[in-house]
Amino acid sequence: MDKQFQKEHELELGKGEASAIALAVEIKDCTVILDDLKARNIAEKLKLDITGRIGLIIKAKNKNIIPSIKPYLQKLKNTDFRLSSILEELALRESGEI
């Protein structure tokens, strides 16, 4: 893993986000899972493939791993995860639930 990249970005990102991006840069052909907007912006500049928790939930529904995304969205809303009504509606539409 690119420790220099990680150290440089730990100041503006959390250690986990900086580590995930550094590892994705090294591995190349992978998807990095990020919800933090600053981290996502850096990953986009590096042309990394990105998804977040909502994207993973939608993918699980589309692959018939889970029957519905609604209970998982509700669980996220019951935590400190910020889920706007617009993003929730987009997720429900993309998963075919509305």
C-alpha atoms as a PDB file:
ATOM      1  CA  MET A   1       0.000   0.000   0.000  1.00  0.00           C
ATOM      2  CA  ASP A   2       1.217   3.507  -0.782  1.00  0.00           C
ATOM      3  CA  LYS A   3       2.049   4.675   2.748  1.00  0.00           C
ATOM      4  CA  GLN A   4       3.112   8.138   1.543  1.00  0.00           C
ATOM      5  CA  PHE A   5      -0.268   8.704  -0.140  1.00  0.00           C
ATOM      6  CA  GLN A   6      -2.019   7.432   2.965  1.00  0.00           C
ATOM      7  CA  LYS A   7      -0.087   9.749   5.310  1.00  0.00           C
ATOM      8  CA  GLU A   8      -0.640  12.774   3.068  1.00  0.00           C
ATOM      9  CA  HIS A   9      -4.392  12.224   2.953  1.00  0.00           C
ATOM     10  CA  GLU A  10      -4.979  11.177   6.566  1.00  0.00           C
ATOM     11  CA  LEU A  11      -4.977  14.868   7.515  1.00  0.00           C
ATOM     12  CA  GLU A  12      -7.956  15.680   5.298  1.00  0.00           C
ATOM     13  CA  LEU A  13      -9.626  12.260   5.450  1.00  0.00           C
ATOM     14  CA  GLY A  14      -9.952   9.635   8.117  1.00  0.00           C
ATOM     15  CA  LYS A  15      -7.348   6.911   8.353  1.00  0.00           C
ATOM     16  CA  GLY A  16      -9.806   4.343   6.968  1.00  0.00           C
ATOM     17  CA  GLU A  17     -10.728   6.386   3.905  1.00  0.00           C
ATOM     18  CA  ALA A  18      -7.079   7.242   3.178  1.00  0.00           C
ATOM     19  CA  SER A  19      -6.121   3.562   3.509  1.00  0.00           C
ATOM     20  CA  ALA A  20      -8.970   2.410   1.261  1.00  0.00           C
ATOM     21  CA  ILE A  21      -8.026   4.880  -1.475  1.00  0.00           C
ATOM     22  CA  ALA A  22      -4.313   4.055  -1.225  1.00  0.00           C
ATOM     23  CA  LEU A  23      -5.077   0.346  -1.527  1.00  0.00           C
ATOM     24  CA  ALA A  24      -7.428   0.898  -4.484  1.00  0.00           C
ATOM     25  CA  VAL A  25      -4.733   2.910  -6.274  1.00  0.00           C
ATOM     26  CA  GLU A  26      -2.320   0.026  -5.772  1.00  0.00           C
ATOM     27  CA  ILE A  27      -4.713  -2.780  -6.756  1.00  0.00           C
ATOM     28  CA  LYS A  28      -6.062  -0.855  -9.780  1.00  0.00           C
ATOM     29  CA  ASP A  29      -8.937  -3.084 -10.979  1.00  0.00           C
ATOM     30  CA  CYS A  30     -11.250  -2.825  -7.980  1.00  0.00           C
ATOM     31  CA  THR A  31     -14.143  -0.852  -6.547  1.00  0.00           C
ATOM     32  CA  VAL A  32     -13.476   1.237  -3.453  1.00  0.00           C
ATOM     33  CA  ILE A  33     -16.346   1.595  -0.966  1.00  0.00           C
ATOM     34  CA  LEU A  34     -16.616   5.174   0.287  1.00  0.00           C
ATOM     35  CA  ASP A  35     -19.456   7.239   1.714  1.00  0.00           C
ATOM     36  CA  ASP A  36     -17.448  10.303   2.787  1.00  0.00           C
ATOM     37  CA  LEU A  37     -17.804  13.106   0.215  1.00  0.00           C
ATOM     38  CA  LYS A  38     -14.199  14.334   0.496  1.00  0.00           C
ATOM     39  CA  ALA A  39     -12.921  10.790   0.056  1.00  0.00           C
ATOM     40  CA  ARG A  40     -15.201  10.214  -2.926  1.00  0.00           C
ATOM     41  CA  ASN A  41     -13.981  13.442  -4.562  1.00  0.00           C
ATOM     42  CA  ILE A  42     -10.340  12.395  -4.183  1.00  0.00           C
ATOM     43  CA  ALA A  43     -11.129   8.907  -5.504  1.00  0.00           C
ATOM     44  CA  GLU A  44     -12.936  10.409  -8.509  1.00  0.00           C
ATOM     45  CA  LYS A  45      -9.915  12.603  -9.297  1.00  0.00           C
ATOM     46  CA  LEU A  46      -7.822   9.438  -9.241  1.00  0.00           C
ATOM     47  CA  LYS A  47     -10.338   7.824 -11.625  1.00  0.00           C
ATOM     48  CA  LEU A  48     -11.166   5.018  -9.197  1.00  0.00           C
ATOM     49  CA  ASP A  49     -14.351   2.965  -9.404  1.00  0.00           C
ATOM     50  CA  ILE A  50     -16.441   4.010  -6.378  1.00  0.00           C
ATOM     51  CA  THR A  51     -19.552   2.814  -4.609  1.00  0.00           C
ATOM     52  CA  GLY A  52     -21.008   3.408  -1.174  1.00  0.00           C
ATOM     53  CA  ARG A  53     -23.209   1.574   1.284  1.00  0.00           C
ATOM     54  CA  ILE A  54     -26.349   2.436  -0.672  1.00  0.00           C
ATOM     55  CA  GLY A  55     -24.743   1.140  -3.870  1.00  0.00           C
ATOM     56  CA  LEU A  56     -23.834  -2.128  -2.160  1.00  0.00           C
ATOM     57  CA  ILE A  57     -27.383  -2.551  -0.892  1.00  0.00           C
ATOM     58  CA  ILE A  58     -28.806  -1.931  -4.376  1.00  0.00           C
ATOM     59  CA  LYS A  59     -26.333  -4.397  -5.881  1.00  0.00           C
ATOM     60  CA  ALA A  60     -27.344  -7.034  -3.315  1.00  0.00           C
ATOM     61  CA  LYS A  61     -31.018  -6.545  -4.261  1.00  0.00           C
ATOM     62  CA  ASN A  62     -30.277  -6.671  -7.995  1.00  0.00           C
ATOM     63  CA  LYS A  63     -28.361  -9.946  -7.521  1.00  0.00           C
ATOM     64  CA  ASN A  64     -31.263 -11.386  -5.471  1.00  0.00           C
ATOM     65  CA  ILE A  65     -29.123 -11.610  -2.333  1.00  0.00           C
ATOM     66  CA  ILE A  66     -31.726  -9.607  -0.421  1.00  0.00           C
ATOM     67  CA  PRO A  67     -35.435  -9.320  -1.294  1.00  0.00           C
ATOM     68  CA  SER A  68     -35.807  -5.597  -0.539  1.00  0.00           C
ATOM     69  CA  ILE A  69     -33.605  -2.592   0.196  1.00  0.00           C
ATOM     70  CA  LYS A  70     -36.209  -0.847   2.369  1.00  0.00           C
ATOM     71  CA  PRO A  71     -35.302  -2.537   5.681  1.00  0.00           C
ATOM     72  CA  TYR A  72     -31.607  -1.818   5.104  1.00  0.00           C
ATOM     73  CA  LEU A  73     -32.277   1.823   4.304  1.00  0.00           C
ATOM     74  CA  GLN A  74     -34.340   2.047   7.483  1.00  0.00           C
ATOM     75  CA  LYS A  75     -31.479   0.543   9.508  1.00  0.00           C
ATOM     76  CA  LEU A  76     -29.105   3.124   8.062  1.00  0.00           C
ATOM     77  CA  LYS A  77     -31.556   5.919   8.882  1.00  0.00           C
ATOM     78  CA  ASN A  78     -31.648   4.681  12.492  1.00  0.00           C
ATOM     79  CA  THR A  79     -27.896   5.308  12.760  1.00  0.00           C
ATOM     80  CA  ASP A  80     -25.934   8.496  12.216  1.00  0.00           C
ATOM     81  CA  PHE A  81     -25.817   7.806   8.452  1.00  0.00           C
ATOM     82  CA  ARG A  82     -27.282  10.777   6.592  1.00  0.00           C
ATOM     83  CA  LEU A  83     -29.709   9.607   3.942  1.00  0.00           C
ATOM     84  CA  SER A  84     -31.568  12.362   2.129  1.00  0.00           C
ATOM     85  CA  SER A  85     -35.089  11.717   0.919  1.00  0.00           C
ATOM     86  CA  ILE A  86     -33.845  12.323  -2.642  1.00  0.00           C
ATOM     87  CA  LEU A  87     -31.119   9.660  -2.349  1.00  0.00           C
ATOM     88  CA  GLU A  88     -33.571   7.264  -0.713  1.00  0.00           C
ATOM     89  CA  GLU A  89     -36.036   7.737  -3.577  1.00  0.00           C
ATOM     90  CA  LEU A  90     -33.276   7.263  -6.180  1.00  0.00           C
ATOM     91  CA  ALA A  91     -32.158   4.054  -4.465  1.00  0.00           C
ATOM     92  CA  LEU A  92     -35.716   2.716  -4.335  1.00  0.00           C
ATOM     93  CA  ARG A  93     -36.217   3.550  -8.023  1.00  0.00           C
ATOM     94  CA  GLU A  94     -32.920   1.969  -9.072  1.00  0.00           C
ATOM     95  CA  SER A  95     -33.780  -1.205  -7.187  1.00  0.00           C
ATOM     96  CA  GLY A  96     -37.263  -1.305  -8.737  1.00  0.00           C
ATOM     97  CA  GLU A  97     -39.097  -0.833  -5.453  1.00  0.00           C
ATOM     98  CA  ILE A  98     -41.017   2.260  -6.582  1.00  0.00           C
END
